Amino acid sequence: MKALAAMGLHAQPMIPALDRLIGSRHRVAVYLGDVDAEMRADEQLLQLALATRTKITASPT
Protein backbone atom coordinates (compact mmCIF):
# COMPACT_ATOMS: atom_id res chain seq x y z
CA MET A 1 0.00 0.00 0.00
CA LYS A 2 2.89 2.37 0.74
CA ALA A 3 4.29 1.85 -2.75
CA LEU A 4 0.90 2.41 -4.38
CA ALA A 5 0.32 5.57 -2.37
CA ALA A 6 3.77 6.86 -3.32
CA MET A 7 3.04 6.19 -7.00
CA GLY A 8 0.02 8.49 -6.83
CA LEU A 9 -1.82 8.84 -10.13
CA HIS A 10 0.47 6.26 -11.76
CA ALA A 11 -1.17 3.57 -9.60
CA GLN A 12 -4.65 4.20 -11.02
CA PRO A 13 -4.78 0.74 -12.67
CA MET A 14 -4.89 -0.69 -9.12
CA ILE A 15 -8.10 1.16 -8.20
CA PRO A 16 -10.41 -1.76 -9.19
CA ALA A 17 -8.42 -4.15 -6.97
CA LEU A 18 -8.56 -1.69 -4.06
CA ASP A 19 -12.29 -1.23 -4.62
CA ARG A 20 -12.81 -5.00 -4.44
CA LEU A 21 -10.81 -5.16 -1.21
CA ILE A 22 -12.69 -2.20 0.28
CA GLY A 23 -16.14 -3.42 -0.78
CA SER A 24 -15.65 -7.05 0.13
CA ARG A 25 -17.80 -8.48 2.89
CA HIS A 26 -15.07 -11.08 3.45
CA ARG A 27 -11.75 -9.70 4.59
CA VAL A 28 -8.24 -10.94 3.98
CA ALA A 29 -7.50 -13.83 6.32
CA VAL A 30 -5.14 -12.76 9.09
CA TYR A 31 -4.21 -15.38 11.67
CA LEU A 32 -2.66 -13.82 14.74
CA GLY A 33 -3.96 -16.28 17.31
CA ASP A 34 -6.16 -13.66 18.96
CA VAL A 35 -9.61 -12.81 17.61
CA ASP A 36 -9.41 -9.21 18.83
CA ALA A 37 -5.99 -8.68 17.26
CA GLU A 38 -7.26 -10.17 14.00
CA MET A 39 -10.23 -7.78 14.01
CA ARG A 40 -7.93 -4.79 14.66
CA ALA A 41 -5.59 -5.90 11.85
CA ASP A 42 -8.57 -6.23 9.52
CA GLU A 43 -9.79 -2.74 10.42
CA GLN A 44 -6.29 -1.31 9.93
CA LEU A 45 -6.02 -2.95 6.51
CA LEU A 46 -9.37 -1.48 5.47
CA GLN A 47 -8.34 2.01 6.64
CA LEU A 48 -5.02 1.67 4.85
CA ALA A 49 -6.77 0.62 1.63
CA LEU A 50 -9.14 3.60 1.88
CA ALA A 51 -6.27 6.02 2.51
CA THR A 52 -4.26 4.53 -0.35
CA ARG A 53 -7.20 4.86 -2.73
CA THR A 54 -7.63 8.49 -1.70
CA LYS A 55 -3.95 9.24 -2.32
CA ILE A 56 -4.06 7.57 -5.74
CA THR A 57 -7.13 9.50 -6.86
CA ALA A 58 -6.11 12.87 -5.38
CA SER A 59 -5.18 15.40 -7.99
CA PRO A 60 -1.55 16.54 -7.85
CA THR A 61 -0.88 19.75 -5.97
C-alpha atoms as a PDB file:
ATOM      1  CA  MET A   1       0.000   0.000   0.000  1.00  0.00           C
ATOM      2  CA  LYS A   2       2.889   2.373   0.738  1.00  0.00           C
ATOM      3  CA  ALA A   3       4.288   1.847  -2.749  1.00  0.00           C
ATOM      4  CA  LEU A   4       0.904   2.413  -4.382  1.00  0.00           C
ATOM      5  CA  ALA A   5       0.317   5.574  -2.366  1.00  0.00           C
ATOM      6  CA  ALA A   6       3.771   6.858  -3.324  1.00  0.00           C
ATOM      7  CA  MET A   7       3.037   6.188  -7.001  1.00  0.00           C
ATOM      8  CA  GLY A   8       0.021   8.486  -6.833  1.00  0.00           C
ATOM      9  CA  LEU A   9      -1.821   8.842 -10.135  1.00  0.00           C
ATOM     10  CA  HIS A  10       0.474   6.259 -11.758  1.00  0.00           C
ATOM     11  CA  ALA A  11      -1.170   3.572  -9.595  1.00  0.00           C
ATOM     12  CA  GLN A  12      -4.650   4.198 -11.020  1.00  0.00           C
ATOM     13  CA  PRO A  13      -4.783   0.737 -12.669  1.00  0.00           C
ATOM     14  CA  MET A  14      -4.886  -0.692  -9.124  1.00  0.00           C
ATOM     15  CA  ILE A  15      -8.099   1.157  -8.203  1.00  0.00           C
ATOM     16  CA  PRO A  16     -10.407  -1.756  -9.188  1.00  0.00           C
ATOM     17  CA  ALA A  17      -8.416  -4.148  -6.971  1.00  0.00           C
ATOM     18  CA  LEU A  18      -8.557  -1.694  -4.062  1.00  0.00           C
ATOM     19  CA  ASP A  19     -12.287  -1.230  -4.621  1.00  0.00           C
ATOM     20  CA  ARG A  20     -12.808  -4.999  -4.439  1.00  0.00           C
ATOM     21  CA  LEU A  21     -10.812  -5.160  -1.207  1.00  0.00           C
ATOM     22  CA  ILE A  22     -12.693  -2.201   0.285  1.00  0.00           C
ATOM     23  CA  GLY A  23     -16.136  -3.422  -0.779  1.00  0.00           C
ATOM     24  CA  SER A  24     -15.650  -7.050   0.130  1.00  0.00           C
ATOM     25  CA  ARG A  25     -17.795  -8.483   2.892  1.00  0.00           C
ATOM     26  CA  HIS A  26     -15.070 -11.076   3.452  1.00  0.00           C
ATOM     27  CA  ARG A  27     -11.749  -9.705   4.594  1.00  0.00           C
ATOM     28  CA  VAL A  28      -8.242 -10.940   3.982  1.00  0.00           C
ATOM     29  CA  ALA A  29      -7.498 -13.826   6.321  1.00  0.00           C
ATOM     30  CA  VAL A  30      -5.140 -12.759   9.092  1.00  0.00           C
ATOM     31  CA  TYR A  31      -4.215 -15.379  11.671  1.00  0.00           C
ATOM     32  CA  LEU A  32      -2.662 -13.822  14.743  1.00  0.00           C
ATOM     33  CA  GLY A  33      -3.958 -16.285  17.314  1.00  0.00           C
ATOM     34  CA  ASP A  34      -6.162 -13.659  18.958  1.00  0.00           C
ATOM     35  CA  VAL A  35      -9.608 -12.813  17.609  1.00  0.00           C
ATOM     36  CA  ASP A  36      -9.413  -9.210  18.827  1.00  0.00           C
ATOM     37  CA  ALA A  37      -5.988  -8.677  17.259  1.00  0.00           C
ATOM     38  CA  GLU A  38      -7.258 -10.166  14.001  1.00  0.00           C
ATOM     39  CA  MET A  39     -10.228  -7.777  14.007  1.00  0.00           C
ATOM     40  CA  ARG A  40      -7.932  -4.790  14.656  1.00  0.00           C
ATOM     41  CA  ALA A  41      -5.592  -5.904  11.852  1.00  0.00           C
ATOM     42  CA  ASP A  42      -8.573  -6.234   9.518  1.00  0.00           C
ATOM     43  CA  GLU A  43      -9.794  -2.742  10.423  1.00  0.00           C
ATOM     44  CA  GLN A  44      -6.294  -1.310   9.928  1.00  0.00           C
ATOM     45  CA  LEU A  45      -6.021  -2.949   6.509  1.00  0.00           C
ATOM     46  CA  LEU A  46      -9.369  -1.481   5.471  1.00  0.00           C
ATOM     47  CA  GLN A  47      -8.342   2.010   6.641  1.00  0.00           C
ATOM     48  CA  LEU A  48      -5.015   1.675   4.847  1.00  0.00           C
ATOM     49  CA  ALA A  49      -6.772   0.625   1.631  1.00  0.00           C
ATOM     50  CA  LEU A  50      -9.137   3.595   1.883  1.00  0.00           C
ATOM     51  CA  ALA A  51      -6.272   6.022   2.508  1.00  0.00           C
ATOM     52  CA  THR A  52      -4.262   4.528  -0.350  1.00  0.00           C
ATOM     53  CA  ARG A  53      -7.204   4.857  -2.733  1.00  0.00           C
ATOM     54  CA  THR A  54      -7.634   8.492  -1.697  1.00  0.00           C
ATOM     55  CA  LYS A  55      -3.955   9.241  -2.321  1.00  0.00           C
ATOM     56  CA  ILE A  56      -4.061   7.572  -5.737  1.00  0.00           C
ATOM     57  CA  THR A  57      -7.129   9.496  -6.861  1.00  0.00           C
ATOM     58  CA  ALA A  58      -6.115  12.867  -5.385  1.00  0.00           C
ATOM     59  CA  SER A  59      -5.182  15.405  -7.988  1.00  0.00           C
ATOM     60  CA  PRO A  60      -1.555  16.536  -7.849  1.00  0.00           C
ATOM     61  CA  THR A  61      -0.880  19.749  -5.967  1.00  0.00           C
END
